Amino acid sequence: MRILQRFQRHNDPVPTLLPLFAALVQGPSMAPTLKHGDAVLVRKGGRPIRPGDVVVARFLARPDLLVVKRAVRPAAGGWWLIGDNELVTDDSRVYGPAQIVGRVVCRYWPRPRLLAQ
């Protein structure tokens, strides 16, 4: 409990002890790269985010929503993100810039695959 409070005190969006955490993809916005139900491993920190990286983030307009998207470019107040599926527009085109939580390094379920560039 104290550890969780320490992270909350530092305003960490995803409180973890390690620089890695797991996330579950929900929805079709990242198809074909990631599909609904895929489990990914996310790294907080490490090398700087680059355009083209798949990331986990929070939109400034929707801070309650944690999303998996592709980083396009730095924008005022965060990063401009889009999904790989052009038909789904629940990304920066609707919500504006986002704060990056971490970079997706691999999909570990159901078809393991590295995503890091």
C-alpha atoms as a PDB file:
ATOM      1  CA  MET A   1       0.000   0.000   0.000  1.00  0.00           C
ATOM      2  CA  ARG A   2       2.818   2.432   0.812  1.00  0.00           C
ATOM      3  CA  ILE A   3       4.445   1.765  -2.542  1.00  0.00           C
ATOM      4  CA  LEU A   4       1.222   2.548  -4.413  1.00  0.00           C
ATOM      5  CA  GLN A   5       0.811   5.743  -2.381  1.00  0.00           C
ATOM      6  CA  ARG A   6       4.385   6.759  -3.236  1.00  0.00           C
ATOM      7  CA  PHE A   7       3.684   6.395  -6.956  1.00  0.00           C
ATOM      8  CA  GLN A   8       0.397   8.251  -6.659  1.00  0.00           C
ATOM      9  CA  ARG A   9       2.172  11.051  -4.821  1.00  0.00           C
ATOM     10  CA  HIS A  10       4.550  11.411  -7.791  1.00  0.00           C
ATOM     11  CA  ASN A  11       1.569  11.408 -10.188  1.00  0.00           C
ATOM     12  CA  ASP A  12       2.721   8.252 -12.004  1.00  0.00           C
ATOM     13  CA  PRO A  13      -0.039   7.286 -14.499  1.00  0.00           C
ATOM     14  CA  VAL A  14       0.679   3.541 -14.204  1.00  0.00           C
ATOM     15  CA  PRO A  15       2.156   2.698 -10.778  1.00  0.00           C
ATOM     16  CA  THR A  16       4.633  -0.187 -11.053  1.00  0.00           C
ATOM     17  CA  LEU A  17       7.836  -1.177  -9.296  1.00  0.00           C
ATOM     18  CA  LEU A  18       9.591  -2.234 -12.494  1.00  0.00           C
ATOM     19  CA  PRO A  19      10.164  -0.240 -15.675  1.00  0.00           C
ATOM     20  CA  LEU A  20       8.024  -2.857 -17.497  1.00  0.00           C
ATOM     21  CA  PHE A  21       4.294  -3.484 -17.273  1.00  0.00           C
ATOM     22  CA  ALA A  22       1.718  -5.475 -19.215  1.00  0.00           C
ATOM     23  CA  ALA A  23      -1.201  -4.015 -21.158  1.00  0.00           C
ATOM     24  CA  LEU A  24      -4.128  -5.621 -22.979  1.00  0.00           C
ATOM     25  CA  VAL A  25      -5.161  -4.268 -26.382  1.00  0.00           C
ATOM     26  CA  GLN A  26      -8.892  -3.595 -26.689  1.00  0.00           C
ATOM     27  CA  GLY A  27     -10.528  -2.579 -29.934  1.00  0.00           C
ATOM     28  CA  PRO A  28      -9.488  -2.572 -33.607  1.00  0.00           C
ATOM     29  CA  SER A  29      -7.611   0.750 -33.845  1.00  0.00           C
ATOM     30  CA  MET A  30      -4.122  -0.805 -34.087  1.00  0.00           C
ATOM     31  CA  ALA A  31      -4.976  -3.600 -36.570  1.00  0.00           C
ATOM     32  CA  PRO A  32      -3.179  -5.182 -38.335  1.00  0.00           C
ATOM     33  CA  THR A  33      -0.130  -4.567 -36.070  1.00  0.00           C
ATOM     34  CA  LEU A  34      -2.005  -5.395 -32.864  1.00  0.00           C
ATOM     35  CA  LYS A  35      -5.419  -6.980 -32.570  1.00  0.00           C
ATOM     36  CA  HIS A  36      -8.115  -6.975 -29.901  1.00  0.00           C
ATOM     37  CA  GLY A  37      -7.012  -9.323 -27.107  1.00  0.00           C
ATOM     38  CA  ASP A  38      -3.259  -9.052 -27.751  1.00  0.00           C
ATOM     39  CA  ALA A  39      -1.148  -8.687 -24.606  1.00  0.00           C
ATOM     40  CA  VAL A  40       1.862  -6.380 -24.853  1.00  0.00           C
ATOM     41  CA  LEU A  41       4.845  -5.555 -22.675  1.00  0.00           C
ATOM     42  CA  VAL A  42       5.412  -1.818 -22.160  1.00  0.00           C
ATOM     43  CA  ARG A  43       8.632  -0.135 -21.041  1.00  0.00           C
ATOM     44  CA  LYS A  44       8.532   3.092 -19.064  1.00  0.00           C
ATOM     45  CA  GLY A  45      11.635   5.220 -19.546  1.00  0.00           C
ATOM     46  CA  GLY A  46      14.529   3.904 -21.598  1.00  0.00           C
ATOM     47  CA  ARG A  47      15.356   5.543 -24.901  1.00  0.00           C
ATOM     48  CA  PRO A  48      13.382   8.604 -26.026  1.00  0.00           C
ATOM     49  CA  ILE A  49      10.190   8.071 -28.026  1.00  0.00           C
ATOM     50  CA  ARG A  50      10.663   8.365 -31.788  1.00  0.00           C
ATOM     51  CA  PRO A  51       8.099   8.812 -34.555  1.00  0.00           C
ATOM     52  CA  GLY A  52       6.830   5.360 -35.551  1.00  0.00           C
ATOM     53  CA  ASP A  53       7.068   3.826 -32.054  1.00  0.00           C
ATOM     54  CA  VAL A  54       4.007   1.992 -30.725  1.00  0.00           C
ATOM     55  CA  VAL A  55       3.249   3.543 -27.343  1.00  0.00           C
ATOM     56  CA  VAL A  56       0.841   3.475 -24.421  1.00  0.00           C
ATOM     57  CA  ALA A  57      -0.464   6.957 -23.625  1.00  0.00           C
ATOM     58  CA  ARG A  58      -3.209   9.098 -22.113  1.00  0.00           C
ATOM     59  CA  PHE A  59      -4.959  11.781 -24.140  1.00  0.00           C
ATOM     60  CA  LEU A  60      -5.030  15.163 -22.432  1.00  0.00           C
ATOM     61  CA  ALA A  61      -8.729  15.426 -23.332  1.00  0.00           C
ATOM     62  CA  ARG A  62      -9.433  11.903 -21.923  1.00  0.00           C
ATOM     63  CA  PRO A  63      -7.109  11.365 -18.919  1.00  0.00           C
ATOM     64  CA  ASP A  64      -9.214   8.380 -17.757  1.00  0.00           C
ATOM     65  CA  LEU A  65      -8.414   6.448 -20.958  1.00  0.00           C
ATOM     66  CA  LEU A  66      -5.158   4.493 -21.448  1.00  0.00           C
ATOM     67  CA  VAL A  67      -4.540   3.821 -25.178  1.00  0.00           C
ATOM     68  CA  VAL A  68      -2.136   1.928 -27.444  1.00  0.00           C
ATOM     69  CA  LYS A  69      -1.271   3.990 -30.546  1.00  0.00           C
ATOM     70  CA  ARG A  70       1.581   4.874 -32.908  1.00  0.00           C
ATOM     71  CA  ALA A  71       3.589   8.051 -32.177  1.00  0.00           C
ATOM     72  CA  VAL A  72       3.645  10.410 -35.170  1.00  0.00           C
ATOM     73  CA  ARG A  73       5.302  13.616 -33.986  1.00  0.00           C
ATOM     74  CA  PRO A  74       5.805  15.785 -30.916  1.00  0.00           C
ATOM     75  CA  ALA A  75       2.952  18.257 -30.454  1.00  0.00           C
ATOM     76  CA  ALA A  76       2.253  21.093 -28.046  1.00  0.00           C
ATOM     77  CA  GLY A  77       1.775  19.427 -24.676  1.00  0.00           C
ATOM     78  CA  GLY A  78       2.627  15.872 -25.752  1.00  0.00           C
ATOM     79  CA  TRP A  79       2.677  13.638 -28.822  1.00  0.00           C
ATOM     80  CA  TRP A  80       0.369  13.340 -31.830  1.00  0.00           C
ATOM     81  CA  LEU A  81      -0.801   9.706 -31.993  1.00  0.00           C
ATOM     82  CA  ILE A  82      -2.700   7.701 -34.594  1.00  0.00           C
ATOM     83  CA  GLY A  83      -3.938   4.128 -34.858  1.00  0.00           C
ATOM     84  CA  ASP A  84      -2.766   1.807 -37.631  1.00  0.00           C
ATOM     85  CA  ASN A  85      -6.367   1.151 -38.732  1.00  0.00           C
ATOM     86  CA  GLU A  86      -7.327   4.162 -40.876  1.00  0.00           C
ATOM     87  CA  LEU A  87     -11.049   3.448 -40.464  1.00  0.00           C
ATOM     88  CA  VAL A  88     -10.974   3.953 -36.680  1.00  0.00           C
ATOM     89  CA  THR A  89     -10.420   7.575 -35.651  1.00  0.00           C
ATOM     90  CA  ASP A  90     -10.264   7.386 -31.847  1.00  0.00           C
ATOM     91  CA  ASP A  91      -6.817   8.986 -31.774  1.00  0.00           C
ATOM     92  CA  SER A  92      -5.272  12.476 -31.862  1.00  0.00           C
ATOM     93  CA  ARG A  93      -7.543  13.414 -34.764  1.00  0.00           C
ATOM     94  CA  VAL A  94     -10.374  13.427 -32.205  1.00  0.00           C
ATOM     95  CA  TYR A  95      -8.706  13.887 -28.791  1.00  0.00           C
ATOM     96  CA  GLY A  96      -5.623  15.985 -29.617  1.00  0.00           C
ATOM     97  CA  PRO A  97      -2.132  15.409 -28.159  1.00  0.00           C
ATOM     98  CA  ALA A  98      -1.343  12.723 -25.594  1.00  0.00           C
ATOM     99  CA  GLN A  99       1.141  12.138 -22.784  1.00  0.00           C
ATOM    100  CA  ILE A 100       3.295   9.043 -23.365  1.00  0.00           C
ATOM    101  CA  VAL A 101       3.299   6.502 -20.522  1.00  0.00           C
ATOM    102  CA  GLY A 102       5.664   3.985 -22.153  1.00  0.00           C
ATOM    103  CA  ARG A 103       6.847   2.298 -25.343  1.00  0.00           C
ATOM    104  CA  VAL A 104       5.492  -1.102 -26.418  1.00  0.00           C
ATOM    105  CA  VAL A 105       8.471  -3.438 -26.806  1.00  0.00           C
ATOM    106  CA  CYS A 106       6.768  -6.733 -27.639  1.00  0.00           C
ATOM    107  CA  ARG A 107       3.532  -8.616 -27.973  1.00  0.00           C
ATOM    108  CA  TYR A 108       3.699 -11.705 -25.763  1.00  0.00           C
ATOM    109  CA  TRP A 109       0.249 -13.200 -26.273  1.00  0.00           C
ATOM    110  CA  PRO A 110      -1.134 -14.873 -28.358  1.00  0.00           C
ATOM    111  CA  ARG A 111       1.591 -14.582 -31.062  1.00  0.00           C
ATOM    112  CA  PRO A 112       4.894 -13.410 -29.510  1.00  0.00           C
ATOM    113  CA  ARG A 113       6.632 -10.738 -31.593  1.00  0.00           C
ATOM    114  CA  LEU A 114       9.068  -7.870 -30.967  1.00  0.00           C
ATOM    115  CA  LEU A 115       7.718  -4.436 -31.894  1.00  0.00           C
ATOM    116  CA  ALA A 116      10.769  -2.333 -30.998  1.00  0.00           C
ATOM    117  CA  GLN A 117      12.522  -0.570 -33.823  1.00  0.00           C
END
